[in-house]
Amino acid sequence: MLRISGKRTLSKMNAFDFIVTIALGSMLSSVILNKDTPLAEGLLAIGLLILMQYLFSMLSVRSTKFKALISNPPVVLYYRGQFFDEILKKERIAQSQINQSIRGAGFADITAIEAIVLESTGDLSVISKADQVKRRSALSEITNFPAEK
């Protein structure tokens, strides 16, 4: 069932995907361990949950309002030498996590970084100054992206 539902079911998760995964695990354990739950009913419930996740993901692709309802938007944490301290506090991101993402992206110096983005999956994306040509399209959906100076 999971293979049929698509790669998104098993990919990095947003909050909604996390809840669906927990619910799937709970249902599967109930089916396996509870003798009072018929196998057919359990498989039907699991199938319905996977179908619901599939429909929600399809709706989120087609409707920006629906996507905003079920997932967190990406936010800029750092842009052109400036950290956004209020956002760092709100998102509970420590400087050590930022440093780790910079090192993980292959940089030793933050001056080579154009922007750092907290993605909806919780990943930190590091965009180098060399990627400025790509910047406009890659950062277009970020709501708190600073206006050009």
C-alpha atoms as a PDB file:
ATOM      1  CA  MET A   1       0.000   0.000   0.000  1.00  0.00           C
ATOM      2  CA  LEU A   2       2.811   2.406   0.843  1.00  0.00           C
ATOM      3  CA  ARG A   3       4.544   1.858  -2.494  1.00  0.00           C
ATOM      4  CA  ILE A   4       1.292   2.536  -4.354  1.00  0.00           C
ATOM      5  CA  SER A   5       0.661   5.755  -2.407  1.00  0.00           C
ATOM      6  CA  GLY A   6       3.838   7.340  -3.759  1.00  0.00           C
ATOM      7  CA  LYS A   7       7.236   8.546  -2.658  1.00  0.00           C
ATOM      8  CA  ARG A   8       5.787  11.370  -0.581  1.00  0.00           C
ATOM      9  CA  THR A   9       4.434   8.906   1.985  1.00  0.00           C
ATOM     10  CA  LEU A  10       7.968   7.760   2.789  1.00  0.00           C
ATOM     11  CA  SER A  11       9.809  11.051   2.175  1.00  0.00           C
ATOM     12  CA  LYS A  12      10.926  13.697   4.619  1.00  0.00           C
ATOM     13  CA  MET A  13       7.894  14.735   6.546  1.00  0.00           C
ATOM     14  CA  ASN A  14       6.059  17.912   7.353  1.00  0.00           C
ATOM     15  CA  ALA A  15       3.793  17.983  10.416  1.00  0.00           C
ATOM     16  CA  PHE A  16       0.841  16.427   8.590  1.00  0.00           C
ATOM     17  CA  ASP A  17       2.943  13.604   7.141  1.00  0.00           C
ATOM     18  CA  PHE A  18       4.346  12.910  10.601  1.00  0.00           C
ATOM     19  CA  ILE A  19       0.847  12.564  12.060  1.00  0.00           C
ATOM     20  CA  VAL A  20      -0.200  10.240   9.233  1.00  0.00           C
ATOM     21  CA  THR A  21       2.893   8.080   9.800  1.00  0.00           C
ATOM     22  CA  ILE A  22       2.193   7.801  13.537  1.00  0.00           C
ATOM     23  CA  ALA A  23      -1.448   6.935  12.843  1.00  0.00           C
ATOM     24  CA  LEU A  24      -0.393   4.287  10.308  1.00  0.00           C
ATOM     25  CA  GLY A  25       1.935   2.722  12.851  1.00  0.00           C
ATOM     26  CA  SER A  26      -0.760   2.718  15.499  1.00  0.00           C
ATOM     27  CA  MET A  27      -3.305   1.139  13.172  1.00  0.00           C
ATOM     28  CA  LEU A  28      -0.848  -1.481  11.976  1.00  0.00           C
ATOM     29  CA  SER A  29       0.060  -2.451  15.529  1.00  0.00           C
ATOM     30  CA  SER A  30      -3.622  -2.726  16.434  1.00  0.00           C
ATOM     31  CA  VAL A  31      -4.247  -5.015  13.477  1.00  0.00           C
ATOM     32  CA  ILE A  32      -1.253  -7.210  14.283  1.00  0.00           C
ATOM     33  CA  LEU A  33      -1.602  -7.390  18.078  1.00  0.00           C
ATOM     34  CA  ASN A  34      -5.342  -7.094  18.726  1.00  0.00           C
ATOM     35  CA  LYS A  35      -7.291 -10.296  18.125  1.00  0.00           C
ATOM     36  CA  ASP A  36     -10.589  -8.368  18.271  1.00  0.00           C
ATOM     37  CA  THR A  37      -9.746  -6.291  15.177  1.00  0.00           C
ATOM     38  CA  PRO A  38     -10.506  -8.188  11.976  1.00  0.00           C
ATOM     39  CA  LEU A  39      -7.693  -8.068   9.425  1.00  0.00           C
ATOM     40  CA  ALA A  40     -10.003  -6.726   6.699  1.00  0.00           C
ATOM     41  CA  GLU A  41     -11.146  -3.801   8.866  1.00  0.00           C
ATOM     42  CA  GLY A  42      -7.590  -2.938   9.816  1.00  0.00           C
ATOM     43  CA  LEU A  43      -6.387  -3.026   6.235  1.00  0.00           C
ATOM     44  CA  LEU A  44      -9.371  -0.906   5.191  1.00  0.00           C
ATOM     45  CA  ALA A  45      -8.528   1.696   7.853  1.00  0.00           C
ATOM     46  CA  ILE A  46      -4.871   1.758   6.775  1.00  0.00           C
ATOM     47  CA  GLY A  47      -5.918   2.034   3.129  1.00  0.00           C
ATOM     48  CA  LEU A  48      -8.278   4.914   3.929  1.00  0.00           C
ATOM     49  CA  LEU A  49      -5.557   6.766   5.823  1.00  0.00           C
ATOM     50  CA  ILE A  50      -3.117   6.352   2.927  1.00  0.00           C
ATOM     51  CA  LEU A  51      -5.837   7.510   0.505  1.00  0.00           C
ATOM     52  CA  MET A  52      -6.497  10.549   2.706  1.00  0.00           C
ATOM     53  CA  GLN A  53      -2.779  11.377   2.733  1.00  0.00           C
ATOM     54  CA  TYR A  54      -2.669  11.017  -1.042  1.00  0.00           C
ATOM     55  CA  LEU A  55      -5.698  13.293  -1.490  1.00  0.00           C
ATOM     56  CA  PHE A  56      -4.293  15.882   0.927  1.00  0.00           C
ATOM     57  CA  SER A  57      -0.963  15.928  -0.899  1.00  0.00           C
ATOM     58  CA  MET A  58      -2.778  16.295  -4.231  1.00  0.00           C
ATOM     59  CA  LEU A  59      -4.871  19.162  -2.829  1.00  0.00           C
ATOM     60  CA  SER A  60      -1.795  20.865  -1.376  1.00  0.00           C
ATOM     61  CA  VAL A  61      -0.156  20.859  -4.815  1.00  0.00           C
ATOM     62  CA  ARG A  62      -3.226  22.413  -6.411  1.00  0.00           C
ATOM     63  CA  SER A  63      -4.211  24.909  -3.688  1.00  0.00           C
ATOM     64  CA  THR A  64      -1.797  27.257  -1.920  1.00  0.00           C
ATOM     65  CA  LYS A  65      -4.371  27.969   0.795  1.00  0.00           C
ATOM     66  CA  PHE A  66      -4.752  24.272   1.557  1.00  0.00           C
ATOM     67  CA  LYS A  67      -0.975  23.799   1.536  1.00  0.00           C
ATOM     68  CA  ALA A  68      -0.614  26.647   4.048  1.00  0.00           C
ATOM     69  CA  LEU A  69      -3.210  24.944   6.240  1.00  0.00           C
ATOM     70  CA  ILE A  70      -1.378  21.606   6.499  1.00  0.00           C
ATOM     71  CA  SER A  71       2.296  22.600   6.292  1.00  0.00           C
ATOM     72  CA  ASN A  72       4.666  25.222   7.610  1.00  0.00           C
ATOM     73  CA  PRO A  73       6.183  27.612   5.081  1.00  0.00           C
ATOM     74  CA  PRO A  74       9.967  27.822   4.755  1.00  0.00           C
ATOM     75  CA  VAL A  75      11.551  30.843   6.474  1.00  0.00           C
ATOM     76  CA  VAL A  76      14.796  32.743   6.010  1.00  0.00           C
ATOM     77  CA  LEU A  77      17.084  32.586   9.061  1.00  0.00           C
ATOM     78  CA  TYR A  78      20.089  34.381   7.567  1.00  0.00           C
ATOM     79  CA  TYR A  79      20.407  36.670   4.572  1.00  0.00           C
ATOM     80  CA  ARG A  80      23.436  38.636   3.325  1.00  0.00           C
ATOM     81  CA  GLY A  81      25.301  38.767   6.619  1.00  0.00           C
ATOM     82  CA  GLN A  82      22.265  39.288   8.845  1.00  0.00           C
ATOM     83  CA  PHE A  83      20.713  36.730  11.189  1.00  0.00           C
ATOM     84  CA  PHE A  84      17.016  37.127  11.960  1.00  0.00           C
ATOM     85  CA  ASP A  85      17.175  36.644  15.724  1.00  0.00           C
ATOM     86  CA  GLU A  86      13.413  36.799  16.293  1.00  0.00           C
ATOM     87  CA  ILE A  87      12.849  33.979  13.798  1.00  0.00           C
ATOM     88  CA  LEU A  88      15.749  31.950  15.221  1.00  0.00           C
ATOM     89  CA  LYS A  89      14.162  32.180  18.678  1.00  0.00           C
ATOM     90  CA  LYS A  90      10.673  31.419  17.388  1.00  0.00           C
ATOM     91  CA  GLU A  91      11.876  28.371  15.446  1.00  0.00           C
ATOM     92  CA  ARG A  92      14.223  27.303  18.301  1.00  0.00           C
ATOM     93  CA  ILE A  93      17.307  27.121  16.080  1.00  0.00           C
ATOM     94  CA  ALA A  94      20.697  27.345  17.830  1.00  0.00           C
ATOM     95  CA  GLN A  95      23.824  28.843  16.299  1.00  0.00           C
ATOM     96  CA  SER A  96      25.459  25.419  16.501  1.00  0.00           C
ATOM     97  CA  GLN A  97      22.761  24.013  14.183  1.00  0.00           C
ATOM     98  CA  ILE A  98      23.401  26.813  11.694  1.00  0.00           C
ATOM     99  CA  ASN A  99      27.159  26.170  11.848  1.00  0.00           C
ATOM    100  CA  GLN A 100      26.560  22.461  11.301  1.00  0.00           C
ATOM    101  CA  SER A 101      24.438  23.149   8.210  1.00  0.00           C
ATOM    102  CA  ILE A 102      27.121  25.482   6.829  1.00  0.00           C
ATOM    103  CA  ARG A 103      29.807  22.843   7.335  1.00  0.00           C
ATOM    104  CA  GLY A 104      27.526  20.173   5.899  1.00  0.00           C
ATOM    105  CA  ALA A 105      27.112  22.266   2.761  1.00  0.00           C
ATOM    106  CA  GLY A 106      30.877  22.381   2.383  1.00  0.00           C
ATOM    107  CA  PHE A 107      31.606  25.911   3.566  1.00  0.00           C
ATOM    108  CA  ALA A 108      34.124  27.003   6.181  1.00  0.00           C
ATOM    109  CA  ASP A 109      33.235  30.701   6.106  1.00  0.00           C
ATOM    110  CA  ILE A 110      29.782  32.235   6.508  1.00  0.00           C
ATOM    111  CA  THR A 111      30.764  35.167   4.276  1.00  0.00           C
ATOM    112  CA  ALA A 112      30.397  32.811   1.286  1.00  0.00           C
ATOM    113  CA  ILE A 113      26.729  32.249   2.207  1.00  0.00           C
ATOM    114  CA  GLU A 114      23.902  34.248   0.655  1.00  0.00           C
ATOM    115  CA  ALA A 115      21.031  32.780   2.691  1.00  0.00           C
ATOM    116  CA  ILE A 116      20.091  30.022   5.111  1.00  0.00           C
ATOM    117  CA  VAL A 117      16.516  28.752   4.965  1.00  0.00           C
ATOM    118  CA  LEU A 118      14.616  26.584   7.437  1.00  0.00           C
ATOM    119  CA  GLU A 119      12.551  24.325   5.189  1.00  0.00           C
ATOM    120  CA  SER A 120       9.091  23.008   6.037  1.00  0.00           C
ATOM    121  CA  THR A 121      10.649  19.575   6.698  1.00  0.00           C
ATOM    122  CA  GLY A 122      13.002  21.030   9.327  1.00  0.00           C
ATOM    123  CA  ASP A 123      16.084  20.882   7.092  1.00  0.00           C
ATOM    124  CA  LEU A 124      18.404  23.859   6.833  1.00  0.00           C
ATOM    125  CA  SER A 125      19.210  24.833   3.254  1.00  0.00           C
ATOM    126  CA  VAL A 126      22.393  26.800   2.644  1.00  0.00           C
ATOM    127  CA  ILE A 127      22.514  28.971  -0.473  1.00  0.00           C
ATOM    128  CA  SER A 128      25.915  30.243  -1.498  1.00  0.00           C
ATOM    129  CA  LYS A 129      26.637  33.612  -3.033  1.00  0.00           C
ATOM    130  CA  ALA A 130      27.739  31.734  -6.152  1.00  0.00           C
ATOM    131  CA  ASP A 131      24.110  30.590  -6.553  1.00  0.00           C
ATOM    132  CA  GLN A 132      22.767  34.155  -6.955  1.00  0.00           C
ATOM    133  CA  VAL A 133      21.446  33.411 -10.440  1.00  0.00           C
ATOM    134  CA  LYS A 134      19.235  30.672  -8.978  1.00  0.00           C
ATOM    135  CA  ARG A 135      18.249  32.736  -5.911  1.00  0.00           C
ATOM    136  CA  ARG A 136      15.094  34.337  -7.257  1.00  0.00           C
ATOM    137  CA  SER A 137      13.346  31.101  -8.164  1.00  0.00           C
ATOM    138  CA  ALA A 138      14.606  29.071  -5.203  1.00  0.00           C
ATOM    139  CA  LEU A 139      13.561  31.664  -2.618  1.00  0.00           C
ATOM    140  CA  SER A 140      10.342  32.893  -4.234  1.00  0.00           C
ATOM    141  CA  GLU A 141       7.947  30.949  -1.967  1.00  0.00           C
ATOM    142  CA  ILE A 142       9.488  32.131   1.298  1.00  0.00           C
ATOM    143  CA  THR A 143       7.135  34.546   3.034  1.00  0.00           C
ATOM    144  CA  ASN A 144       9.694  36.432   5.125  1.00  0.00           C
ATOM    145  CA  PHE A 145      12.255  36.852   2.324  1.00  0.00           C
ATOM    146  CA  PRO A 146      13.751  40.348   2.697  1.00  0.00           C
ATOM    147  CA  ALA A 147      13.107  42.896  -0.032  1.00  0.00           C
ATOM    148  CA  GLU A 148      16.023  43.697  -2.307  1.00  0.00           C
ATOM    149  CA  LYS A 149      18.083  46.673  -1.226  1.00  0.00           C
END
